[in-house]
Amino acid sequence: MKRTSFQYISLISFFITSLAFSVYFYQQVQIYDQKIVKSTVTDTSLPKYHFVLIGEEMNHDYWRLVGKGAKETESKYDVFVEYEGPKRSNPEEQLKLLDMAIKSKVDGIIVQALNEEFTPMINKAVSEGIPVITIDTDSKESLRTAYIGTDNYLAGQLAGKALIEDTNGKATVGIITGSFENTHHQLRVQGFRDAVAKVEGIEVVAIEESNITRVDAEEKAYTMLTENENITAFIGTSSWDGLGIVEAAKSLNKQEDLYVMAFDPLAENIDLLEKGDLDAIIEQQPYEMGYKSIEIMLDMLNGKSVREIYHTDASIIRNANLDKWKVQNGDSL
């Protein structure tokens, strides 16, 4: 009986010892394999720099072009560009993505800074050694090194001057702005107001925000048109505002006599311009913003001097120059 128990205990001890050695060697093999994979990837696969671009919303033609411009630098430079953003405009989600990028210790961050809440997060990134560029919307009070994008105040002035020219200086205006809170929309509205304020025949009678959605733009435009029947012109400061304004005007049978201007040559906006439902579009350069932002970041990391502000062009598209614009931008339609 004692002999049988001793043999039984010996077998169990041998099994446990064998199992322990098996686990140990398995772990060592895994560690070794991981080291080999890491070494291989580090030596041959990973680009030198990892940048994160955080845009306003992924499901938007404008931001797709920003992302496309940034991503296409990968074929020219030794970089990996991670393009992120909420599906629909959501500053809180953008801030979370910015925080994740900081925690990931990326080599550089390009971010749209929609409001003052972005300032402390940008400063946090810089304090942890991560350079930051703002794109499309600036954060002047932050520690960001540079801004690239439209001069939104001048774009608003450009829109105001175009309206003055197209209406012969006589219009009663309603404004649909994407957001009362977002800095770039504030600047566009202020630029527009300052431009038309100089003309006695133009009066701004109402302003509402669309929350950067087509549905809200239509609802707000409808209300403005019913409460201010003398409105003869509209400007929308975000990409979807023009579509909403046109739909509201059509539902009230007022589209024939209404002048409408909007931002960004989305395919839908170009279609409305061709049909005569839109009278003018303010064009920005999102692809250039994305591409150039990566080049600026590389200059910063390589010790080259960079400017604080890089303004991309804004221009007016009307039916008169639409064919020329199509020839120049056929691949973006």
C-alpha atoms as a PDB file:
ATOM      1  CA  MET A   1       0.000   0.000   0.000  1.00  0.00           C
ATOM      2  CA  LYS A   2       2.834   2.354   0.942  1.00  0.00           C
ATOM      3  CA  ARG A   3       4.733   1.480  -2.243  1.00  0.00           C
ATOM      4  CA  THR A   4       1.682   2.155  -4.399  1.00  0.00           C
ATOM      5  CA  SER A   5       1.148   5.554  -2.739  1.00  0.00           C
ATOM      6  CA  PHE A   6       4.794   6.479  -3.247  1.00  0.00           C
ATOM      7  CA  GLN A   7       4.619   5.597  -6.958  1.00  0.00           C
ATOM      8  CA  TYR A   8       1.407   7.567  -7.289  1.00  0.00           C
ATOM      9  CA  ILE A   9       2.941  10.627  -5.652  1.00  0.00           C
ATOM     10  CA  SER A  10       6.062  10.328  -7.821  1.00  0.00           C
ATOM     11  CA  LEU A  11       3.977  10.214 -11.002  1.00  0.00           C
ATOM     12  CA  ILE A  12       2.026  13.299  -9.951  1.00  0.00           C
ATOM     13  CA  SER A  13       5.237  15.185  -9.137  1.00  0.00           C
ATOM     14  CA  PHE A  14       6.741  14.231 -12.499  1.00  0.00           C
ATOM     15  CA  PHE A  15       3.602  15.377 -14.296  1.00  0.00           C
ATOM     16  CA  ILE A  16       3.553  18.715 -12.496  1.00  0.00           C
ATOM     17  CA  THR A  17       7.254  19.269 -13.138  1.00  0.00           C
ATOM     18  CA  SER A  18       6.848  18.401 -16.844  1.00  0.00           C
ATOM     19  CA  LEU A  19       3.843  20.704 -17.138  1.00  0.00           C
ATOM     20  CA  ALA A  20       5.765  23.546 -15.493  1.00  0.00           C
ATOM     21  CA  PHE A  21       8.695  23.126 -17.887  1.00  0.00           C
ATOM     22  CA  SER A  22       6.288  22.959 -20.841  1.00  0.00           C
ATOM     23  CA  VAL A  23       4.610  26.231 -19.819  1.00  0.00           C
ATOM     24  CA  TYR A  24       7.974  27.864 -19.234  1.00  0.00           C
ATOM     25  CA  PHE A  25       9.388  26.866 -22.603  1.00  0.00           C
ATOM     26  CA  TYR A  26       6.144  27.826 -24.370  1.00  0.00           C
ATOM     27  CA  GLN A  27       6.360  31.281 -22.816  1.00  0.00           C
ATOM     28  CA  GLN A  28       9.995  31.619 -23.831  1.00  0.00           C
ATOM     29  CA  VAL A  29       9.177  30.609 -27.409  1.00  0.00           C
ATOM     30  CA  GLN A  30       6.367  33.152 -27.501  1.00  0.00           C
ATOM     31  CA  ILE A  31       8.654  35.894 -26.171  1.00  0.00           C
ATOM     32  CA  TYR A  32      11.295  34.967 -28.708  1.00  0.00           C
ATOM     33  CA  ASP A  33       8.794  34.920 -31.562  1.00  0.00           C
ATOM     34  CA  GLN A  34       7.479  38.318 -30.484  1.00  0.00           C
ATOM     35  CA  LYS A  35      10.997  39.709 -30.405  1.00  0.00           C
ATOM     36  CA  ILE A  36      11.651  38.359 -33.889  1.00  0.00           C
ATOM     37  CA  VAL A  37       8.410  39.817 -35.226  1.00  0.00           C
ATOM     38  CA  LYS A  38       9.070  43.167 -33.511  1.00  0.00           C
ATOM     39  CA  SER A  39      12.613  43.262 -34.804  1.00  0.00           C
ATOM     40  CA  THR A  40      11.515  42.407 -38.329  1.00  0.00           C
ATOM     41  CA  VAL A  41       8.725  44.975 -38.347  1.00  0.00           C
ATOM     42  CA  THR A  42      10.915  47.656 -36.790  1.00  0.00           C
ATOM     43  CA  ASP A  43      13.739  47.076 -39.232  1.00  0.00           C
ATOM     44  CA  THR A  44      11.782  46.684 -42.473  1.00  0.00           C
ATOM     45  CA  SER A  45       8.106  47.632 -42.202  1.00  0.00           C
ATOM     46  CA  LEU A  46       7.277  50.498 -39.905  1.00  0.00           C
ATOM     47  CA  PRO A  47       7.664  54.040 -41.274  1.00  0.00           C
ATOM     48  CA  LYS A  48       9.871  56.426 -39.358  1.00  0.00           C
ATOM     49  CA  TYR A  49       7.001  58.633 -38.178  1.00  0.00           C
ATOM     50  CA  HIS A  50       3.464  57.912 -37.003  1.00  0.00           C
ATOM     51  CA  PHE A  51       1.107  60.899 -37.259  1.00  0.00           C
ATOM     52  CA  VAL A  52      -2.564  61.163 -36.280  1.00  0.00           C
ATOM     53  CA  LEU A  53      -4.989  63.448 -38.139  1.00  0.00           C
ATOM     54  CA  ILE A  54      -8.261  64.123 -36.290  1.00  0.00           C
ATOM     55  CA  GLY A  55     -10.951  65.672 -38.474  1.00  0.00           C
ATOM     56  CA  GLU A  56     -14.492  66.848 -37.845  1.00  0.00           C
ATOM     57  CA  GLU A  57     -16.429  63.996 -39.412  1.00  0.00           C
ATOM     58  CA  MET A  58     -15.524  60.969 -41.513  1.00  0.00           C
ATOM     59  CA  ASN A  59     -18.758  60.828 -43.551  1.00  0.00           C
ATOM     60  CA  HIS A  60     -18.227  64.135 -45.310  1.00  0.00           C
ATOM     61  CA  ASP A  61     -16.719  64.852 -48.726  1.00  0.00           C
ATOM     62  CA  TYR A  62     -14.733  67.825 -47.434  1.00  0.00           C
ATOM     63  CA  TRP A  63     -13.022  65.794 -44.708  1.00  0.00           C
ATOM     64  CA  ARG A  64     -12.510  62.837 -47.008  1.00  0.00           C
ATOM     65  CA  LEU A  65     -10.409  65.162 -49.176  1.00  0.00           C
ATOM     66  CA  VAL A  66      -8.450  66.387 -46.127  1.00  0.00           C
ATOM     67  CA  GLY A  67      -7.761  62.771 -45.205  1.00  0.00           C
ATOM     68  CA  LYS A  68      -6.928  61.810 -48.778  1.00  0.00           C
ATOM     69  CA  GLY A  69      -4.364  64.599 -49.028  1.00  0.00           C
ATOM     70  CA  ALA A  70      -2.707  63.553 -45.769  1.00  0.00           C
ATOM     71  CA  LYS A  71      -2.712  59.829 -46.586  1.00  0.00           C
ATOM     72  CA  GLU A  72      -1.189  60.359 -50.022  1.00  0.00           C
ATOM     73  CA  THR A  73       1.965  61.737 -48.415  1.00  0.00           C
ATOM     74  CA  GLU A  74       2.721  58.142 -47.372  1.00  0.00           C
ATOM     75  CA  SER A  75       3.820  57.330 -50.926  1.00  0.00           C
ATOM     76  CA  LYS A  76       6.391  60.148 -50.872  1.00  0.00           C
ATOM     77  CA  TYR A  77       7.598  60.302 -47.276  1.00  0.00           C
ATOM     78  CA  ASP A  78       8.551  57.742 -44.633  1.00  0.00           C
ATOM     79  CA  VAL A  79       5.328  58.286 -42.636  1.00  0.00           C
ATOM     80  CA  PHE A  80       2.205  56.495 -41.519  1.00  0.00           C
ATOM     81  CA  VAL A  81      -0.859  58.757 -41.271  1.00  0.00           C
ATOM     82  CA  GLU A  82      -3.680  57.541 -39.045  1.00  0.00           C
ATOM     83  CA  TYR A  83      -6.820  59.433 -40.075  1.00  0.00           C
ATOM     84  CA  GLU A  84      -9.535  59.512 -37.383  1.00  0.00           C
ATOM     85  CA  GLY A  85     -12.737  61.384 -36.607  1.00  0.00           C
ATOM     86  CA  PRO A  86     -16.361  60.931 -35.545  1.00  0.00           C
ATOM     87  CA  LYS A  87     -18.891  59.798 -38.139  1.00  0.00           C
ATOM     88  CA  ARG A  88     -20.854  62.984 -37.519  1.00  0.00           C
ATOM     89  CA  SER A  89     -19.569  66.261 -36.088  1.00  0.00           C
ATOM     90  CA  ASN A  90     -18.980  65.696 -32.363  1.00  0.00           C
ATOM     91  CA  PRO A  91     -16.349  67.779 -30.519  1.00  0.00           C
ATOM     92  CA  GLU A  92     -16.457  65.534 -27.446  1.00  0.00           C
ATOM     93  CA  GLU A  93     -15.560  62.480 -29.520  1.00  0.00           C
ATOM     94  CA  GLN A  94     -12.764  64.435 -31.196  1.00  0.00           C
ATOM     95  CA  LEU A  95     -11.348  65.305 -27.766  1.00  0.00           C
ATOM     96  CA  LYS A  96     -11.395  61.621 -26.798  1.00  0.00           C
ATOM     97  CA  LEU A  97      -9.528  60.755 -29.988  1.00  0.00           C
ATOM     98  CA  LEU A  98      -7.021  63.497 -29.219  1.00  0.00           C
ATOM     99  CA  ASP A  99      -6.493  62.090 -25.727  1.00  0.00           C
ATOM    100  CA  MET A 100      -5.976  58.595 -27.181  1.00  0.00           C
ATOM    101  CA  ALA A 101      -3.387  59.934 -29.622  1.00  0.00           C
ATOM    102  CA  ILE A 102      -1.479  61.566 -26.754  1.00  0.00           C
ATOM    103  CA  LYS A 103      -1.533  58.350 -24.721  1.00  0.00           C
ATOM    104  CA  SER A 104      -0.291  56.425 -27.775  1.00  0.00           C
ATOM    105  CA  LYS A 105       2.834  58.631 -27.860  1.00  0.00           C
ATOM    106  CA  VAL A 106       2.535  59.319 -31.590  1.00  0.00           C
ATOM    107  CA  ASP A 107       5.147  61.463 -33.321  1.00  0.00           C
ATOM    108  CA  GLY A 108       2.798  64.293 -34.259  1.00  0.00           C
ATOM    109  CA  ILE A 109      -0.878  65.309 -34.144  1.00  0.00           C
ATOM    110  CA  ILE A 110      -2.911  67.331 -36.663  1.00  0.00           C
ATOM    111  CA  VAL A 111      -6.292  68.306 -35.233  1.00  0.00           C
ATOM    112  CA  GLN A 112      -9.261  70.526 -35.990  1.00  0.00           C
ATOM    113  CA  ALA A 113      -9.740  72.655 -32.849  1.00  0.00           C
ATOM    114  CA  LEU A 114     -13.441  73.437 -32.868  1.00  0.00           C
ATOM    115  CA  ASN A 115     -13.618  75.368 -29.607  1.00  0.00           C
ATOM    116  CA  GLU A 116     -11.667  76.491 -26.529  1.00  0.00           C
ATOM    117  CA  GLU A 117     -11.971  73.030 -24.930  1.00  0.00           C
ATOM    118  CA  PHE A 118      -9.269  71.824 -27.310  1.00  0.00           C
ATOM    119  CA  THR A 119      -6.687  74.262 -25.936  1.00  0.00           C
ATOM    120  CA  PRO A 120      -5.765  72.412 -22.712  1.00  0.00           C
ATOM    121  CA  MET A 121      -5.633  69.064 -24.544  1.00  0.00           C
ATOM    122  CA  ILE A 122      -3.335  70.505 -27.224  1.00  0.00           C
ATOM    123  CA  ASN A 123      -1.153  71.972 -24.471  1.00  0.00           C
ATOM    124  CA  LYS A 124      -1.032  68.552 -22.803  1.00  0.00           C
ATOM    125  CA  ALA A 125       0.233  66.964 -26.019  1.00  0.00           C
ATOM    126  CA  VAL A 126       2.949  69.590 -26.442  1.00  0.00           C
ATOM    127  CA  SER A 127       4.006  69.279 -22.784  1.00  0.00           C
ATOM    128  CA  GLU A 128       4.510  65.550 -23.394  1.00  0.00           C
ATOM    129  CA  GLY A 129       6.739  66.225 -26.382  1.00  0.00           C
ATOM    130  CA  ILE A 130       4.208  65.699 -29.169  1.00  0.00           C
ATOM    131  CA  PRO A 131       4.102  68.557 -31.720  1.00  0.00           C
ATOM    132  CA  VAL A 132       0.638  69.742 -32.773  1.00  0.00           C
ATOM    133  CA  ILE A 133      -0.673  71.436 -35.904  1.00  0.00           C
ATOM    134  CA  THR A 134      -4.244  72.736 -36.069  1.00  0.00           C
ATOM    135  CA  ILE A 135      -6.106  72.297 -39.343  1.00  0.00           C
ATOM    136  CA  ASP A 136      -9.261  73.964 -40.737  1.00  0.00           C
ATOM    137  CA  THR A 137      -9.994  75.563 -37.347  1.00  0.00           C
ATOM    138  CA  ASP A 138      -7.277  77.169 -35.245  1.00  0.00           C
ATOM    139  CA  SER A 139      -6.569  77.359 -31.517  1.00  0.00           C
ATOM    140  CA  LYS A 140      -4.518  80.536 -31.317  1.00  0.00           C
ATOM    141  CA  GLU A 141      -4.255  80.508 -27.525  1.00  0.00           C
ATOM    142  CA  SER A 142      -2.801  76.991 -27.418  1.00  0.00           C
ATOM    143  CA  LEU A 143       0.796  75.816 -27.723  1.00  0.00           C
ATOM    144  CA  ARG A 144       0.265  74.466 -31.236  1.00  0.00           C
ATOM    145  CA  THR A 145       3.177  75.230 -33.544  1.00  0.00           C
ATOM    146  CA  ALA A 146       1.246  76.042 -36.732  1.00  0.00           C
ATOM    147  CA  TYR A 147      -2.196  76.335 -38.310  1.00  0.00           C
ATOM    148  CA  ILE A 148      -3.126  75.383 -41.863  1.00  0.00           C
ATOM    149  CA  GLY A 149      -6.479  76.123 -43.438  1.00  0.00           C
ATOM    150  CA  THR A 150      -8.757  78.763 -44.855  1.00  0.00           C
ATOM    151  CA  ASP A 151      -8.654  82.283 -43.483  1.00  0.00           C
ATOM    152  CA  ASN A 152     -12.283  81.947 -42.421  1.00  0.00           C
ATOM    153  CA  TYR A 153     -12.796  85.647 -41.758  1.00  0.00           C
ATOM    154  CA  LEU A 154     -11.581  86.509 -45.265  1.00  0.00           C
ATOM    155  CA  ALA A 155     -13.721  83.693 -46.701  1.00  0.00           C
ATOM    156  CA  GLY A 156     -16.735  85.314 -45.064  1.00  0.00           C
ATOM    157  CA  GLN A 157     -15.734  88.659 -46.542  1.00  0.00           C
ATOM    158  CA  LEU A 158     -15.311  87.029 -49.950  1.00  0.00           C
ATOM    159  CA  ALA A 159     -18.866  85.680 -49.655  1.00  0.00           C
ATOM    160  CA  GLY A 160     -20.179  89.103 -48.673  1.00  0.00           C
ATOM    161  CA  LYS A 161     -18.478  90.812 -51.608  1.00  0.00           C
ATOM    162  CA  ALA A 162     -19.842  88.171 -53.994  1.00  0.00           C
ATOM    163  CA  LEU A 163     -23.368  88.720 -52.685  1.00  0.00           C
ATOM    164  CA  ILE A 164     -23.021  92.483 -53.073  1.00  0.00           C
ATOM    165  CA  GLU A 165     -21.878  92.043 -56.668  1.00  0.00           C
ATOM    166  CA  ASP A 166     -24.501  89.450 -57.608  1.00  0.00           C
ATOM    167  CA  THR A 167     -27.448  91.338 -56.066  1.00  0.00           C
ATOM    168  CA  ASN A 168     -26.317  94.818 -57.113  1.00  0.00           C
ATOM    169  CA  GLY A 169     -26.080  95.752 -53.458  1.00  0.00           C
ATOM    170  CA  LYS A 170     -29.761  95.172 -52.673  1.00  0.00           C
ATOM    171  CA  ALA A 171     -30.726  92.196 -50.494  1.00  0.00           C
ATOM    172  CA  THR A 172     -32.501  91.213 -47.289  1.00  0.00           C
ATOM    173  CA  VAL A 173     -30.374  88.407 -45.915  1.00  0.00           C
ATOM    174  CA  GLY A 174     -30.861  85.355 -43.729  1.00  0.00           C
ATOM    175  CA  ILE A 175     -27.817  83.463 -42.421  1.00  0.00           C
ATOM    176  CA  ILE A 176     -27.709  79.771 -41.601  1.00  0.00           C
ATOM    177  CA  THR A 177     -24.470  79.002 -39.774  1.00  0.00           C
ATOM    178  CA  GLY A 178     -23.203  75.538 -39.012  1.00  0.00           C
ATOM    179  CA  SER A 179     -22.665  76.349 -35.346  1.00  0.00           C
ATOM    180  CA  PHE A 180     -22.742  79.347 -33.030  1.00  0.00           C
ATOM    181  CA  GLU A 181     -19.969  77.729 -30.966  1.00  0.00           C
ATOM    182  CA  ASN A 182     -17.441  76.664 -33.614  1.00  0.00           C
ATOM    183  CA  THR A 183     -14.737  79.241 -34.220  1.00  0.00           C
ATOM    184  CA  HIS A 184     -14.509  78.902 -37.993  1.00  0.00           C
ATOM    185  CA  HIS A 185     -18.252  79.479 -38.428  1.00  0.00           C
ATOM    186  CA  GLN A 186     -18.092  82.505 -36.136  1.00  0.00           C
ATOM    187  CA  LEU A 187     -15.319  83.967 -38.275  1.00  0.00           C
ATOM    188  CA  ARG A 188     -17.188  83.346 -41.528  1.00  0.00           C
ATOM    189  CA  VAL A 189     -20.301  85.047 -40.189  1.00  0.00           C
ATOM    190  CA  GLN A 190     -18.306  88.001 -38.863  1.00  0.00           C
ATOM    191  CA  GLY A 191     -16.410  88.402 -42.138  1.00  0.00           C
ATOM    192  CA  PHE A 192     -19.669  88.329 -44.098  1.00  0.00           C
ATOM    193  CA  ARG A 193     -21.378  90.813 -41.785  1.00  0.00           C
ATOM    194  CA  ASP A 194     -18.433  93.231 -41.935  1.00  0.00           C
ATOM    195  CA  ALA A 195     -18.399  93.107 -45.731  1.00  0.00           C
ATOM    196  CA  VAL A 196     -22.120  93.778 -46.249  1.00  0.00           C
ATOM    197  CA  ALA A 197     -22.372  96.323 -43.416  1.00  0.00           C
ATOM    198  CA  LYS A 198     -20.741  98.854 -45.706  1.00  0.00           C
ATOM    199  CA  VAL A 199     -23.647  98.679 -48.168  1.00  0.00           C
ATOM    200  CA  GLU A 200     -26.880 100.495 -47.285  1.00  0.00           C
ATOM    201  CA  GLY A 201     -29.028  98.305 -49.524  1.00  0.00           C
ATOM    202  CA  ILE A 202     -28.138  95.067 -47.712  1.00  0.00           C
ATOM    203  CA  GLU A 203     -29.609  94.101 -44.353  1.00  0.00           C
ATOM    204  CA  VAL A 204     -29.138  90.907 -42.319  1.00  0.00           C
ATOM    205  CA  VAL A 205     -32.476  90.216 -40.622  1.00  0.00           C
ATOM    206  CA  ALA A 206     -32.056  86.740 -39.105  1.00  0.00           C
ATOM    207  CA  ILE A 207     -29.413  84.153 -38.201  1.00  0.00           C
ATOM    208  CA  GLU A 208     -29.843  80.552 -37.018  1.00  0.00           C
ATOM    209  CA  GLU A 209     -27.583  77.516 -36.616  1.00  0.00           C
ATOM    210  CA  SER A 210     -27.965  74.199 -38.436  1.00  0.00           C
ATOM    211  CA  ASN A 211     -25.778  72.049 -36.179  1.00  0.00           C
ATOM    212  CA  ILE A 212     -24.052  71.110 -39.440  1.00  0.00           C
ATOM    213  CA  THR A 213     -26.981  68.982 -40.597  1.00  0.00           C
ATOM    214  CA  ARG A 214     -29.127  69.272 -43.692  1.00  0.00           C
ATOM    215  CA  VAL A 215     -32.356  68.600 -41.752  1.00  0.00           C
ATOM    216  CA  ASP A 216     -31.752  71.394 -39.230  1.00  0.00           C
ATOM    217  CA  ALA A 217     -30.709  73.780 -42.004  1.00  0.00           C
ATOM    218  CA  GLU A 218     -34.001  73.124 -43.811  1.00  0.00           C
ATOM    219  CA  GLU A 219     -36.089  73.548 -40.646  1.00  0.00           C
ATOM    220  CA  LYS A 220     -34.360  76.783 -39.662  1.00  0.00           C
ATOM    221  CA  ALA A 221     -34.543  78.221 -43.187  1.00  0.00           C
ATOM    222  CA  TYR A 222     -38.238  77.339 -43.409  1.00  0.00           C
ATOM    223  CA  THR A 223     -38.954  79.159 -40.146  1.00  0.00           C
ATOM    224  CA  MET A 224     -36.899  82.170 -41.187  1.00  0.00           C
ATOM    225  CA  LEU A 225     -38.673  82.420 -44.540  1.00  0.00           C
ATOM    226  CA  THR A 226     -42.118  82.231 -42.941  1.00  0.00           C
ATOM    227  CA  GLU A 227     -41.269  84.741 -40.206  1.00  0.00           C
ATOM    228  CA  ASN A 228     -39.385  87.101 -42.541  1.00  0.00           C
ATOM    229  CA  GLU A 229     -41.211  87.061 -45.859  1.00  0.00           C
ATOM    230  CA  ASN A 230     -39.007  89.873 -47.156  1.00  0.00           C
ATOM    231  CA  ILE A 231     -35.844  87.700 -47.184  1.00  0.00           C
ATOM    232  CA  THR A 232     -34.349  87.683 -50.683  1.00  0.00           C
ATOM    233  CA  ALA A 233     -30.971  86.061 -50.044  1.00  0.00           C
ATOM    234  CA  PHE A 234     -29.394  83.360 -47.894  1.00  0.00           C
ATOM    235  CA  ILE A 235     -25.873  82.324 -47.045  1.00  0.00           C
ATOM    236  CA  GLY A 236     -25.017  79.029 -45.379  1.00  0.00           C
ATOM    237  CA  THR A 237     -21.616  78.718 -43.689  1.00  0.00           C
ATOM    238  CA  SER A 238     -21.388  74.911 -43.631  1.00  0.00           C
ATOM    239  CA  SER A 239     -21.444  72.393 -46.472  1.00  0.00           C
ATOM    240  CA  TRP A 240     -24.977  71.107 -45.865  1.00  0.00           C
ATOM    241  CA  ASP A 241     -26.660  74.474 -45.255  1.00  0.00           C
ATOM    242  CA  GLY A 242     -27.206  75.248 -48.927  1.00  0.00           C
ATOM    243  CA  LEU A 243     -29.095  72.004 -49.521  1.00  0.00           C
ATOM    244  CA  GLY A 244     -31.365  72.661 -46.554  1.00  0.00           C
ATOM    245  CA  ILE A 245     -32.039  76.260 -47.589  1.00  0.00           C
ATOM    246  CA  VAL A 246     -32.952  75.197 -51.140  1.00  0.00           C
ATOM    247  CA  GLU A 247     -35.361  72.502 -49.882  1.00  0.00           C
ATOM    248  CA  ALA A 248     -37.069  74.987 -47.556  1.00  0.00           C
ATOM    249  CA  ALA A 249     -37.410  77.541 -50.359  1.00  0.00           C
ATOM    250  CA  LYS A 250     -38.872  74.920 -52.713  1.00  0.00           C
ATOM    251  CA  SER A 251     -41.456  73.840 -50.143  1.00  0.00           C
ATOM    252  CA  LEU A 252     -42.596  77.473 -49.937  1.00  0.00           C
ATOM    253  CA  ASN A 253     -42.360  78.051 -53.704  1.00  0.00           C
ATOM    254  CA  LYS A 254     -39.785  80.780 -53.164  1.00  0.00           C
ATOM    255  CA  GLN A 255     -36.752  79.287 -54.870  1.00  0.00           C
ATOM    256  CA  GLU A 256     -37.196  81.278 -58.082  1.00  0.00           C
ATOM    257  CA  ASP A 257     -36.692  84.639 -56.370  1.00  0.00           C
ATOM    258  CA  LEU A 258     -34.156  83.635 -53.720  1.00  0.00           C
ATOM    259  CA  TYR A 259     -30.388  84.130 -53.950  1.00  0.00           C
ATOM    260  CA  VAL A 260     -28.545  81.283 -52.164  1.00  0.00           C
ATOM    261  CA  MET A 261     -24.839  80.908 -51.429  1.00  0.00           C
ATOM    262  CA  ALA A 262     -23.151  78.010 -49.613  1.00  0.00           C
ATOM    263  CA  PHE A 263     -19.727  76.675 -48.658  1.00  0.00           C
ATOM    264  CA  ASP A 264     -17.897  73.772 -50.320  1.00  0.00           C
ATOM    265  CA  PRO A 265     -18.384  72.161 -53.740  1.00  0.00           C
ATOM    266  CA  LEU A 266     -19.948  68.887 -52.612  1.00  0.00           C
ATOM    267  CA  ALA A 267     -21.375  66.905 -55.508  1.00  0.00           C
ATOM    268  CA  GLU A 268     -24.872  67.845 -54.301  1.00  0.00           C
ATOM    269  CA  ASN A 269     -23.977  71.538 -54.199  1.00  0.00           C
ATOM    270  CA  ILE A 270     -22.482  71.428 -57.693  1.00  0.00           C
ATOM    271  CA  ASP A 271     -25.682  69.792 -58.936  1.00  0.00           C
ATOM    272  CA  LEU A 272     -27.764  72.574 -57.361  1.00  0.00           C
ATOM    273  CA  LEU A 273     -25.504  75.193 -58.908  1.00  0.00           C
ATOM    274  CA  GLU A 274     -25.986  73.646 -62.348  1.00  0.00           C
ATOM    275  CA  LYS A 275     -29.757  73.687 -61.888  1.00  0.00           C
ATOM    276  CA  GLY A 276     -29.726  77.318 -60.772  1.00  0.00           C
ATOM    277  CA  ASP A 277     -30.932  76.534 -57.236  1.00  0.00           C
ATOM    278  CA  LEU A 278     -27.621  77.726 -55.808  1.00  0.00           C
ATOM    279  CA  ASP A 279     -26.119  80.974 -57.076  1.00  0.00           C
ATOM    280  CA  ALA A 280     -22.596  80.706 -55.677  1.00  0.00           C
ATOM    281  CA  ILE A 281     -20.322  78.327 -53.747  1.00  0.00           C
ATOM    282  CA  ILE A 282     -17.332  79.295 -51.635  1.00  0.00           C
ATOM    283  CA  GLU A 283     -14.605  76.782 -52.404  1.00  0.00           C
ATOM    284  CA  GLN A 284     -11.831  75.813 -49.985  1.00  0.00           C
ATOM    285  CA  GLN A 285      -8.769  73.579 -50.516  1.00  0.00           C
ATOM    286  CA  PRO A 286      -9.175  70.558 -48.193  1.00  0.00           C
ATOM    287  CA  TYR A 287      -6.830  68.233 -50.120  1.00  0.00           C
ATOM    288  CA  GLU A 288      -4.028  70.805 -49.959  1.00  0.00           C
ATOM    289  CA  MET A 289      -4.658  71.299 -46.232  1.00  0.00           C
ATOM    290  CA  GLY A 290      -4.207  67.590 -45.558  1.00  0.00           C
ATOM    291  CA  TYR A 291      -1.138  67.113 -47.729  1.00  0.00           C
ATOM    292  CA  LYS A 292       0.636  70.269 -46.609  1.00  0.00           C
ATOM    293  CA  SER A 293      -0.036  69.573 -42.921  1.00  0.00           C
ATOM    294  CA  ILE A 294       2.147  66.453 -43.099  1.00  0.00           C
ATOM    295  CA  GLU A 295       4.944  68.331 -44.866  1.00  0.00           C
ATOM    296  CA  ILE A 296       4.855  71.047 -42.189  1.00  0.00           C
ATOM    297  CA  MET A 297       4.984  68.410 -39.452  1.00  0.00           C
ATOM    298  CA  LEU A 298       8.014  66.782 -41.081  1.00  0.00           C
ATOM    299  CA  ASP A 299       9.773  70.151 -41.314  1.00  0.00           C
ATOM    300  CA  MET A 300       9.126  70.699 -37.605  1.00  0.00           C
ATOM    301  CA  LEU A 301      10.526  67.296 -36.627  1.00  0.00           C
ATOM    302  CA  ASN A 302      13.558  67.793 -38.838  1.00  0.00           C
ATOM    303  CA  GLY A 303      14.451  71.098 -37.213  1.00  0.00           C
ATOM    304  CA  LYS A 304      13.399  73.349 -40.088  1.00  0.00           C
ATOM    305  CA  SER A 305      11.743  76.688 -39.430  1.00  0.00           C
ATOM    306  CA  VAL A 306       8.001  76.864 -40.103  1.00  0.00           C
ATOM    307  CA  ARG A 307       5.537  79.726 -40.232  1.00  0.00           C
ATOM    308  CA  GLU A 308       2.828  79.993 -37.613  1.00  0.00           C
ATOM    309  CA  ILE A 309       0.012  80.416 -40.166  1.00  0.00           C
ATOM    310  CA  TYR A 310      -0.470  78.720 -43.549  1.00  0.00           C
ATOM    311  CA  HIS A 311      -3.589  79.980 -45.317  1.00  0.00           C
ATOM    312  CA  THR A 312      -4.987  78.019 -48.234  1.00  0.00           C
ATOM    313  CA  ASP A 313      -6.995  79.765 -50.934  1.00  0.00           C
ATOM    314  CA  ALA A 314     -10.742  80.388 -51.007  1.00  0.00           C
ATOM    315  CA  SER A 315     -12.604  81.251 -54.207  1.00  0.00           C
ATOM    316  CA  ILE A 316     -16.098  81.683 -55.633  1.00  0.00           C
ATOM    317  CA  ILE A 317     -17.702  79.190 -58.024  1.00  0.00           C
ATOM    318  CA  ARG A 318     -20.583  80.494 -60.093  1.00  0.00           C
ATOM    319  CA  ASN A 319     -22.351  79.030 -63.099  1.00  0.00           C
ATOM    320  CA  ALA A 320     -20.212  81.273 -65.304  1.00  0.00           C
ATOM    321  CA  ASN A 321     -16.971  79.529 -64.274  1.00  0.00           C
ATOM    322  CA  LEU A 322     -18.406  76.095 -63.448  1.00  0.00           C
ATOM    323  CA  ASP A 323     -17.209  74.399 -66.660  1.00  0.00           C
ATOM    324  CA  LYS A 324     -13.665  75.614 -66.049  1.00  0.00           C
ATOM    325  CA  TRP A 325     -13.851  74.411 -62.462  1.00  0.00           C
ATOM    326  CA  LYS A 326     -15.016  70.965 -63.614  1.00  0.00           C
ATOM    327  CA  VAL A 327     -12.068  70.619 -65.965  1.00  0.00           C
ATOM    328  CA  GLN A 328      -9.681  71.483 -63.151  1.00  0.00           C
ATOM    329  CA  ASN A 329     -11.409  69.321 -60.531  1.00  0.00           C
ATOM    330  CA  GLY A 330     -12.883  66.441 -62.492  1.00  0.00           C
ATOM    331  CA  ASP A 331     -11.317  63.779 -60.292  1.00  0.00           C
ATOM    332  CA  SER A 332     -12.919  65.182 -57.142  1.00  0.00           C
ATOM    333  CA  LEU A 333     -16.495  65.074 -58.426  1.00  0.00           C
END
